[in-house]
């Protein structure tokens, strides 16, 4: 299925409410949920950096009343440097509602309307939002984060720690006699290690739950460990070839001392490698 555009994920990470379609997609797509989590970590890190940067509005207090927000010339330089559309010329920090009042005003005709398209054909807000470029979103986010810095150099100084990269994902479906659903996501961490994150809507089992990676024909498998609660993280061995073991399986294991798979699976799904 098509994934959410990076522009949409960036806006959601910045705090915009998702549309009904986006909410439904995020409920079903572990990859987009993981990407959104990564985007939110970047935004959080950038905001923290902005709050800690001496001379920023976020760091201002009653002992430093002279600090001011950057003037419109800062955004003008950003706009010129990135060659943005004229519709985005207004300074996004001019007022708390600058984004909503200018860049995202659904009542205002789109550039296409000025070219002769009837105003009745203007796309709704959700569609117009997705036309914004990633470059503008990044610039706007940086401008918000460093409000009060007043210089382009300070914008470039914000360097958030990179988050994990999603390399594969799977929807986990229940097998007969079970009703849980879940997901599995393989993250590549900044240091190169791979981690499998498994989630489940429930945690019931007759015995204990064990997470496996299976060959497509289930003739060979690798145990990753037990799962407690509704989310578990497993570091994958560096030499493990996921193309040989693309199926994620959560089994119900009895306390019988037998390390082999019980043959009773709760959830299963194949990674989209």
C-alpha atoms as a PDB file:
ATOM      1  CA  UNK A   1       0.000   0.000   0.000  1.00  0.00           C
ATOM      2  CA  UNK A   2       1.235   3.593  -0.620  1.00  0.00           C
ATOM      3  CA  UNK A   3       2.930   5.145   2.388  1.00  0.00           C
ATOM      4  CA  UNK A   4       2.386   8.644   3.798  1.00  0.00           C
ATOM      5  CA  UNK A   5       4.524  11.330   2.185  1.00  0.00           C
ATOM      6  CA  UNK A   6       7.426  12.734   4.213  1.00  0.00           C
ATOM      7  CA  UNK A   7       5.769  16.169   4.066  1.00  0.00           C
ATOM      8  CA  UNK A   8       2.682  14.810   5.842  1.00  0.00           C
ATOM      9  CA  UNK A   9       4.761  12.948   8.431  1.00  0.00           C
ATOM     10  CA  UNK A  10       6.777  16.114   9.119  1.00  0.00           C
ATOM     11  CA  UNK A  11       3.627  18.128   9.782  1.00  0.00           C
ATOM     12  CA  UNK A  12       2.247  15.421  12.062  1.00  0.00           C
ATOM     13  CA  UNK A  13       5.561  15.348  13.952  1.00  0.00           C
ATOM     14  CA  UNK A  14       5.313  19.120  14.371  1.00  0.00           C
ATOM     15  CA  UNK A  15       1.921  18.660  16.054  1.00  0.00           C
ATOM     16  CA  UNK A  16      -0.676  18.987  13.289  1.00  0.00           C
ATOM     17  CA  UNK A  17      -3.724  16.764  13.763  1.00  0.00           C
ATOM     18  CA  UNK A  18      -3.928  13.887  11.242  1.00  0.00           C
ATOM     19  CA  UNK A  19      -6.782  13.619   8.774  1.00  0.00           C
ATOM     20  CA  UNK A  20      -9.151  10.652   9.056  1.00  0.00           C
ATOM     21  CA  UNK A  21      -7.351   8.991   6.139  1.00  0.00           C
ATOM     22  CA  UNK A  22      -3.956   9.491   7.763  1.00  0.00           C
ATOM     23  CA  UNK A  23      -5.172   8.112  11.090  1.00  0.00           C
ATOM     24  CA  UNK A  24      -6.587   5.034   9.371  1.00  0.00           C
ATOM     25  CA  UNK A  25      -3.335   4.504   7.461  1.00  0.00           C
ATOM     26  CA  UNK A  26      -1.183   4.865  10.579  1.00  0.00           C
ATOM     27  CA  UNK A  27      -3.346   2.285  12.362  1.00  0.00           C
ATOM     28  CA  UNK A  28      -2.543  -0.243   9.627  1.00  0.00           C
ATOM     29  CA  UNK A  29       1.019   0.646   8.606  1.00  0.00           C
ATOM     30  CA  UNK A  30       3.914  -0.132  10.982  1.00  0.00           C
ATOM     31  CA  UNK A  31       6.448   1.473   8.636  1.00  0.00           C
ATOM     32  CA  UNK A  32       4.714   4.862   8.689  1.00  0.00           C
ATOM     33  CA  UNK A  33       4.210   4.648  12.457  1.00  0.00           C
ATOM     34  CA  UNK A  34       7.916   4.000  12.857  1.00  0.00           C
ATOM     35  CA  UNK A  35       8.816   6.848  10.463  1.00  0.00           C
ATOM     36  CA  UNK A  36       6.512   9.207  12.369  1.00  0.00           C
ATOM     37  CA  UNK A  37       8.202   8.187  15.617  1.00  0.00           C
ATOM     38  CA  UNK A  38      11.598   8.987  14.091  1.00  0.00           C
ATOM     39  CA  UNK A  39      10.359  12.381  12.868  1.00  0.00           C
ATOM     40  CA  UNK A  40       8.951  13.179  16.320  1.00  0.00           C
ATOM     41  CA  UNK A  41      12.283  12.315  17.946  1.00  0.00           C
ATOM     42  CA  UNK A  42      14.022  14.731  15.571  1.00  0.00           C
ATOM     43  CA  UNK A  43      11.522  17.496  16.366  1.00  0.00           C
ATOM     44  CA  UNK A  44      11.900  16.865  20.111  1.00  0.00           C
ATOM     45  CA  UNK A  45      15.693  16.945  19.868  1.00  0.00           C
ATOM     46  CA  UNK A  46      15.607  20.142  17.808  1.00  0.00           C
ATOM     47  CA  UNK A  47      13.233  21.850  20.228  1.00  0.00           C
ATOM     48  CA  UNK A  48      15.409  20.851  23.160  1.00  0.00           C
ATOM     49  CA  UNK A  49      18.463  22.180  21.337  1.00  0.00           C
ATOM     50  CA  UNK A  50      16.635  25.429  20.654  1.00  0.00           C
ATOM     51  CA  UNK A  51      15.587  25.720  24.300  1.00  0.00           C
ATOM     52  CA  UNK A  52      19.159  25.204  25.497  1.00  0.00           C
ATOM     53  CA  UNK A  53      20.829  27.484  22.920  1.00  0.00           C
ATOM     54  CA  UNK A  54      21.942  30.723  24.622  1.00  0.00           C
ATOM     55  CA  UNK A  55      20.167  33.702  23.159  1.00  0.00           C
ATOM     56  CA  UNK A  56      17.062  31.880  21.900  1.00  0.00           C
ATOM     57  CA  UNK A  57      13.521  32.868  22.810  1.00  0.00           C
ATOM     58  CA  UNK A  58      12.981  29.489  24.495  1.00  0.00           C
ATOM     59  CA  UNK A  59      15.946  30.139  26.765  1.00  0.00           C
ATOM     60  CA  UNK A  60      14.815  33.640  27.651  1.00  0.00           C
ATOM     61  CA  UNK A  61      13.637  34.424  31.190  1.00  0.00           C
ATOM     62  CA  UNK A  62      12.815  37.395  33.341  1.00  0.00           C
ATOM     63  CA  UNK A  63      16.531  38.094  33.864  1.00  0.00           C
ATOM     64  CA  UNK A  64      17.019  38.571  30.102  1.00  0.00           C
ATOM     65  CA  UNK A  65      14.110  40.756  28.952  1.00  0.00           C
ATOM     66  CA  UNK A  66      15.982  42.124  25.951  1.00  0.00           C
ATOM     67  CA  UNK A  67      15.916  38.989  23.785  1.00  0.00           C
ATOM     68  CA  UNK A  68      13.703  39.284  20.723  1.00  0.00           C
ATOM     69  CA  UNK A  69      12.336  36.992  18.039  1.00  0.00           C
ATOM     70  CA  UNK A  70      14.189  37.101  14.688  1.00  0.00           C
ATOM     71  CA  UNK A  71      13.024  39.766  12.296  1.00  0.00           C
ATOM     72  CA  UNK A  72      11.336  39.069   8.956  1.00  0.00           C
ATOM     73  CA  UNK A  73      14.703  39.349   7.207  1.00  0.00           C
ATOM     74  CA  UNK A  74      15.663  35.922   8.609  1.00  0.00           C
ATOM     75  CA  UNK A  75      12.710  34.215   6.923  1.00  0.00           C
ATOM     76  CA  UNK A  76      13.282  36.331   3.801  1.00  0.00           C
ATOM     77  CA  UNK A  77      16.787  34.878   3.528  1.00  0.00           C
ATOM     78  CA  UNK A  78      15.457  31.349   4.083  1.00  0.00           C
ATOM     79  CA  UNK A  79      12.802  31.941   1.440  1.00  0.00           C
ATOM     80  CA  UNK A  80      15.367  33.271  -1.035  1.00  0.00           C
ATOM     81  CA  UNK A  81      17.955  30.564  -0.276  1.00  0.00           C
ATOM     82  CA  UNK A  82      15.464  27.742  -0.853  1.00  0.00           C
ATOM     83  CA  UNK A  83      13.718  29.434  -3.790  1.00  0.00           C
ATOM     84  CA  UNK A  84      10.306  28.904  -2.207  1.00  0.00           C
ATOM     85  CA  UNK A  85       6.921  29.699  -3.713  1.00  0.00           C
ATOM     86  CA  UNK A  86       5.573  33.262  -3.381  1.00  0.00           C
ATOM     87  CA  UNK A  87       2.651  31.844  -1.364  1.00  0.00           C
ATOM     88  CA  UNK A  88       5.180  31.103   1.418  1.00  0.00           C
ATOM     89  CA  UNK A  89       6.731  34.574   1.503  1.00  0.00           C
ATOM     90  CA  UNK A  90       5.130  35.628   4.813  1.00  0.00           C
ATOM     91  CA  UNK A  91       7.258  35.119   7.924  1.00  0.00           C
ATOM     92  CA  UNK A  92       5.930  31.981   9.746  1.00  0.00           C
ATOM     93  CA  UNK A  93       6.944  33.534  13.081  1.00  0.00           C
ATOM     94  CA  UNK A  94       5.055  36.767  12.462  1.00  0.00           C
ATOM     95  CA  UNK A  95       2.188  35.489  14.630  1.00  0.00           C
ATOM     96  CA  UNK A  96       1.255  32.262  16.486  1.00  0.00           C
ATOM     97  CA  UNK A  97      -1.247  31.479  13.733  1.00  0.00           C
ATOM     98  CA  UNK A  98       0.960  32.433  10.792  1.00  0.00           C
ATOM     99  CA  UNK A  99       1.046  28.919   9.360  1.00  0.00           C
ATOM    100  CA  UNK A 100      -2.714  28.498   9.512  1.00  0.00           C
ATOM    101  CA  UNK A 101      -3.490  32.029   8.395  1.00  0.00           C
ATOM    102  CA  UNK A 102      -1.209  32.045   5.382  1.00  0.00           C
ATOM    103  CA  UNK A 103       0.384  28.869   4.106  1.00  0.00           C
ATOM    104  CA  UNK A 104      -2.502  26.582   4.987  1.00  0.00           C
ATOM    105  CA  UNK A 105      -5.572  28.777   4.389  1.00  0.00           C
ATOM    106  CA  UNK A 106      -8.054  26.489   2.593  1.00  0.00           C
ATOM    107  CA  UNK A 107     -10.203  29.433   1.571  1.00  0.00           C
ATOM    108  CA  UNK A 108      -7.420  31.071  -0.424  1.00  0.00           C
ATOM    109  CA  UNK A 109      -7.172  30.098  -4.113  1.00  0.00           C
ATOM    110  CA  UNK A 110      -4.191  27.922  -4.934  1.00  0.00           C
ATOM    111  CA  UNK A 111      -1.505  29.029  -7.433  1.00  0.00           C
ATOM    112  CA  UNK A 112      -3.334  26.938 -10.015  1.00  0.00           C
ATOM    113  CA  UNK A 113      -6.450  29.055  -9.443  1.00  0.00           C
ATOM    114  CA  UNK A 114      -4.529  32.210 -10.326  1.00  0.00           C
ATOM    115  CA  UNK A 115      -3.488  30.494 -13.544  1.00  0.00           C
ATOM    116  CA  UNK A 116      -7.108  30.146 -14.595  1.00  0.00           C
ATOM    117  CA  UNK A 117      -8.423  27.214 -12.576  1.00  0.00           C
ATOM    118  CA  UNK A 118     -11.901  27.950 -11.153  1.00  0.00           C
ATOM    119  CA  UNK A 119     -11.828  28.547  -7.402  1.00  0.00           C
ATOM    120  CA  UNK A 120     -14.414  25.815  -6.970  1.00  0.00           C
ATOM    121  CA  UNK A 121     -11.756  23.314  -7.983  1.00  0.00           C
ATOM    122  CA  UNK A 122      -9.318  24.326  -5.268  1.00  0.00           C
ATOM    123  CA  UNK A 123      -8.124  21.178  -3.513  1.00  0.00           C
ATOM    124  CA  UNK A 124      -9.060  20.687   0.161  1.00  0.00           C
ATOM    125  CA  UNK A 125      -6.600  21.434   2.955  1.00  0.00           C
ATOM    126  CA  UNK A 126      -5.286  17.879   3.269  1.00  0.00           C
ATOM    127  CA  UNK A 127      -4.400  17.693  -0.434  1.00  0.00           C
ATOM    128  CA  UNK A 128      -2.861  21.168  -0.497  1.00  0.00           C
ATOM    129  CA  UNK A 129      -0.763  20.276   2.523  1.00  0.00           C
ATOM    130  CA  UNK A 130       0.934  17.440   0.694  1.00  0.00           C
ATOM    131  CA  UNK A 131       2.146  19.759  -2.055  1.00  0.00           C
ATOM    132  CA  UNK A 132       4.457  21.587   0.335  1.00  0.00           C
ATOM    133  CA  UNK A 133       8.073  20.711  -0.245  1.00  0.00           C
ATOM    134  CA  UNK A 134      10.234  18.938   2.296  1.00  0.00           C
ATOM    135  CA  UNK A 135      12.693  21.824   2.092  1.00  0.00           C
ATOM    136  CA  UNK A 136      10.048  24.353   3.215  1.00  0.00           C
ATOM    137  CA  UNK A 137       8.942  22.091   6.049  1.00  0.00           C
ATOM    138  CA  UNK A 138      12.482  21.667   7.288  1.00  0.00           C
ATOM    139  CA  UNK A 139      13.078  25.413   7.137  1.00  0.00           C
ATOM    140  CA  UNK A 140       9.819  26.192   8.910  1.00  0.00           C
ATOM    141  CA  UNK A 141      10.553  23.653  11.643  1.00  0.00           C
ATOM    142  CA  UNK A 142      14.005  25.107  12.152  1.00  0.00           C
ATOM    143  CA  UNK A 143      12.597  28.630  12.284  1.00  0.00           C
ATOM    144  CA  UNK A 144      10.112  27.618  14.988  1.00  0.00           C
ATOM    145  CA  UNK A 145      12.760  25.787  16.988  1.00  0.00           C
ATOM    146  CA  UNK A 146      15.213  28.669  17.079  1.00  0.00           C
ATOM    147  CA  UNK A 147      12.747  31.511  17.565  1.00  0.00           C
ATOM    148  CA  UNK A 148      14.710  34.410  19.018  1.00  0.00           C
ATOM    149  CA  UNK A 149      18.088  33.428  17.601  1.00  0.00           C
ATOM    150  CA  UNK A 150      17.874  35.970  14.811  1.00  0.00           C
ATOM    151  CA  UNK A 151      20.641  34.546  12.630  1.00  0.00           C
ATOM    152  CA  UNK A 152      20.920  32.031   9.815  1.00  0.00           C
ATOM    153  CA  UNK A 153      24.037  30.603  11.487  1.00  0.00           C
ATOM    154  CA  UNK A 154      21.997  29.601  14.523  1.00  0.00           C
ATOM    155  CA  UNK A 155      19.524  27.776  12.300  1.00  0.00           C
ATOM    156  CA  UNK A 156      22.344  25.661  10.924  1.00  0.00           C
ATOM    157  CA  UNK A 157      23.697  24.994  14.430  1.00  0.00           C
ATOM    158  CA  UNK A 158      20.735  22.789  15.392  1.00  0.00           C
ATOM    159  CA  UNK A 159      21.974  19.252  14.709  1.00  0.00           C
ATOM    160  CA  UNK A 160      19.585  16.643  16.200  1.00  0.00           C
ATOM    161  CA  UNK A 161      20.793  13.111  16.847  1.00  0.00           C
ATOM    162  CA  UNK A 162      19.757  10.822  13.952  1.00  0.00           C
ATOM    163  CA  UNK A 163      17.062   8.284  14.739  1.00  0.00           C
ATOM    164  CA  UNK A 164      16.667   4.684  13.599  1.00  0.00           C
ATOM    165  CA  UNK A 165      15.999   3.902   9.936  1.00  0.00           C
ATOM    166  CA  UNK A 166      13.108   1.555   9.161  1.00  0.00           C
ATOM    167  CA  UNK A 167      14.364  -1.135   6.759  1.00  0.00           C
ATOM    168  CA  UNK A 168      11.436  -3.593   6.830  1.00  0.00           C
ATOM    169  CA  UNK A 169       8.018  -4.043   8.403  1.00  0.00           C
ATOM    170  CA  UNK A 170       5.149  -6.523   8.601  1.00  0.00           C
ATOM    171  CA  UNK A 171       1.575  -6.698   9.763  1.00  0.00           C
ATOM    172  CA  UNK A 172       1.132  -9.650  12.126  1.00  0.00           C
ATOM    173  CA  UNK A 173      -2.159 -11.501  11.717  1.00  0.00           C
ATOM    174  CA  UNK A 174      -3.727 -13.901  14.228  1.00  0.00           C
ATOM    175  CA  UNK A 175      -3.769 -17.613  13.565  1.00  0.00           C
ATOM    176  CA  UNK A 176      -6.873 -19.745  14.261  1.00  0.00           C
ATOM    177  CA  UNK A 177      -8.091 -19.637  17.866  1.00  0.00           C
ATOM    178  CA  UNK A 178      -6.445 -16.239  18.463  1.00  0.00           C
ATOM    179  CA  UNK A 179      -7.698 -12.684  17.986  1.00  0.00           C
ATOM    180  CA  UNK A 180      -4.627 -10.536  18.713  1.00  0.00           C
ATOM    181  CA  UNK A 181      -3.153  -8.382  15.973  1.00  0.00           C
ATOM    182  CA  UNK A 182       0.291  -6.831  15.849  1.00  0.00           C
ATOM    183  CA  UNK A 183       3.186  -5.478  13.854  1.00  0.00           C
ATOM    184  CA  UNK A 184       6.906  -6.000  13.396  1.00  0.00           C
ATOM    185  CA  UNK A 185       9.450  -3.372  12.351  1.00  0.00           C
ATOM    186  CA  UNK A 186      13.165  -3.818  11.641  1.00  0.00           C
ATOM    187  CA  UNK A 187      15.125  -0.676  12.563  1.00  0.00           C
ATOM    188  CA  UNK A 188      18.718   0.056  11.590  1.00  0.00           C
ATOM    189  CA  UNK A 189      20.174   1.983  14.525  1.00  0.00           C
ATOM    190  CA  UNK A 190      22.657   4.859  14.053  1.00  0.00           C
ATOM    191  CA  UNK A 191      25.537   2.566  15.062  1.00  0.00           C
ATOM    192  CA  UNK A 192      24.611   0.000  12.360  1.00  0.00           C
ATOM    193  CA  UNK A 193      22.937  -2.573  14.593  1.00  0.00           C
ATOM    194  CA  UNK A 194      19.532  -3.941  13.573  1.00  0.00           C
ATOM    195  CA  UNK A 195      16.625  -4.235  15.970  1.00  0.00           C
ATOM    196  CA  UNK A 196      13.297  -6.006  15.571  1.00  0.00           C
ATOM    197  CA  UNK A 197      10.415  -4.307  17.380  1.00  0.00           C
ATOM    198  CA  UNK A 198       7.333  -6.510  17.824  1.00  0.00           C
ATOM    199  CA  UNK A 199       4.006  -5.178  19.095  1.00  0.00           C
ATOM    200  CA  UNK A 200       0.806  -7.004  19.927  1.00  0.00           C
ATOM    201  CA  UNK A 201      -2.662  -5.881  20.968  1.00  0.00           C
ATOM    202  CA  UNK A 202      -2.750  -8.537  23.688  1.00  0.00           C
ATOM    203  CA  UNK A 203      -0.412 -10.604  25.836  1.00  0.00           C
ATOM    204  CA  UNK A 204      -2.423 -13.724  26.635  1.00  0.00           C
ATOM    205  CA  UNK A 205      -0.897 -17.176  26.212  1.00  0.00           C
ATOM    206  CA  UNK A 206      -1.391 -20.578  27.793  1.00  0.00           C
ATOM    207  CA  UNK A 207       2.354 -20.670  28.501  1.00  0.00           C
ATOM    208  CA  UNK A 208       4.812 -17.962  27.462  1.00  0.00           C
ATOM    209  CA  UNK A 209       5.281 -16.142  24.146  1.00  0.00           C
ATOM    210  CA  UNK A 210       8.397 -16.586  22.042  1.00  0.00           C
ATOM    211  CA  UNK A 211       9.392 -14.593  18.952  1.00  0.00           C
ATOM    212  CA  UNK A 212      10.883 -16.392  15.941  1.00  0.00           C
ATOM    213  CA  UNK A 213      12.118 -15.653  12.446  1.00  0.00           C
ATOM    214  CA  UNK A 214      11.043 -18.393  10.026  1.00  0.00           C
ATOM    215  CA  UNK A 215      11.999 -19.427   6.519  1.00  0.00           C
ATOM    216  CA  UNK A 216       9.049 -18.997   4.103  1.00  0.00           C
ATOM    217  CA  UNK A 217       8.382 -22.768   4.143  1.00  0.00           C
ATOM    218  CA  UNK A 218       8.888 -22.925   7.942  1.00  0.00           C
ATOM    219  CA  UNK A 219      11.499 -25.694   7.560  1.00  0.00           C
ATOM    220  CA  UNK A 220      14.076 -23.656   9.493  1.00  0.00           C
ATOM    221  CA  UNK A 221      13.784 -20.930  12.088  1.00  0.00           C
ATOM    222  CA  UNK A 222      15.669 -18.726  14.542  1.00  0.00           C
ATOM    223  CA  UNK A 223      14.479 -17.967  18.074  1.00  0.00           C
ATOM    224  CA  UNK A 224      14.953 -14.345  19.156  1.00  0.00           C
ATOM    225  CA  UNK A 225      13.661 -14.662  22.716  1.00  0.00           C
ATOM    226  CA  UNK A 226      10.566 -14.323  24.843  1.00  0.00           C
ATOM    227  CA  UNK A 227       8.047 -11.509  24.688  1.00  0.00           C
ATOM    228  CA  UNK A 228       6.502  -9.902  27.751  1.00  0.00           C
ATOM    229  CA  UNK A 229       3.774  -7.298  27.567  1.00  0.00           C
ATOM    230  CA  UNK A 230       2.601  -5.782  24.307  1.00  0.00           C
ATOM    231  CA  UNK A 231       5.969  -4.645  22.917  1.00  0.00           C
ATOM    232  CA  UNK A 232       9.377  -6.289  22.720  1.00  0.00           C
ATOM    233  CA  UNK A 233      12.759  -5.315  21.214  1.00  0.00           C
ATOM    234  CA  UNK A 234      15.270  -7.851  19.878  1.00  0.00           C
ATOM    235  CA  UNK A 235      18.744  -7.106  18.556  1.00  0.00           C
ATOM    236  CA  UNK A 236      19.321  -9.131  15.383  1.00  0.00           C
ATOM    237  CA  UNK A 237      22.625 -10.989  14.923  1.00  0.00           C
ATOM    238  CA  UNK A 238      24.900  -9.164  12.486  1.00  0.00           C
ATOM    239  CA  UNK A 239      25.239 -12.249  10.263  1.00  0.00           C
ATOM    240  CA  UNK A 240      21.517 -13.058  10.160  1.00  0.00           C
ATOM    241  CA  UNK A 241      20.198 -12.930   6.574  1.00  0.00           C
ATOM    242  CA  UNK A 242      16.636 -11.683   6.785  1.00  0.00           C
ATOM    243  CA  UNK A 243      15.957 -12.755   3.204  1.00  0.00           C
ATOM    244  CA  UNK A 244      16.299 -16.354   4.414  1.00  0.00           C
ATOM    245  CA  UNK A 245      14.106 -15.762   7.463  1.00  0.00           C
ATOM    246  CA  UNK A 246      11.537 -13.095   6.494  1.00  0.00           C
ATOM    247  CA  UNK A 247       8.576 -14.450   8.495  1.00  0.00           C
ATOM    248  CA  UNK A 248       8.005 -13.079  12.003  1.00  0.00           C
ATOM    249  CA  UNK A 249       6.194 -15.546  14.276  1.00  0.00           C
ATOM    250  CA  UNK A 250       4.982 -15.259  17.877  1.00  0.00           C
ATOM    251  CA  UNK A 251       4.331 -18.648  19.423  1.00  0.00           C
ATOM    252  CA  UNK A 252       2.593 -19.910  22.556  1.00  0.00           C
ATOM    253  CA  UNK A 253       5.142 -22.124  24.320  1.00  0.00           C
ATOM    254  CA  UNK A 254       4.388 -24.531  27.181  1.00  0.00           C
ATOM    255  CA  UNK A 255       6.680 -24.752  30.207  1.00  0.00           C
ATOM    256  CA  UNK A 256       7.985 -28.181  29.188  1.00  0.00           C
ATOM    257  CA  UNK A 257      11.711 -27.477  28.819  1.00  0.00           C
ATOM    258  CA  UNK A 258      11.618 -28.186  25.057  1.00  0.00           C
ATOM    259  CA  UNK A 259      13.391 -25.361  23.132  1.00  0.00           C
ATOM    260  CA  UNK A 260      11.729 -26.303  19.826  1.00  0.00           C
ATOM    261  CA  UNK A 261       8.765 -24.399  18.423  1.00  0.00           C
ATOM    262  CA  UNK A 262       5.533 -25.678  19.958  1.00  0.00           C
ATOM    263  CA  UNK A 263       3.682 -25.573  16.641  1.00  0.00           C
ATOM    264  CA  UNK A 264       1.110 -23.240  18.214  1.00  0.00           C
ATOM    265  CA  UNK A 265       1.470 -19.746  16.733  1.00  0.00           C
ATOM    266  CA  UNK A 266      -0.409 -16.673  17.931  1.00  0.00           C
ATOM    267  CA  UNK A 267       0.708 -14.124  15.319  1.00  0.00           C
ATOM    268  CA  UNK A 268       2.558 -14.322  12.014  1.00  0.00           C
ATOM    269  CA  UNK A 269       3.504 -12.007   9.150  1.00  0.00           C
ATOM    270  CA  UNK A 270       6.178 -11.601   6.443  1.00  0.00           C
ATOM    271  CA  UNK A 271       8.578  -8.641   6.329  1.00  0.00           C
ATOM    272  CA  UNK A 272       8.432  -6.468   3.216  1.00  0.00           C
ATOM    273  CA  UNK A 273      12.126  -6.702   2.430  1.00  0.00           C
END
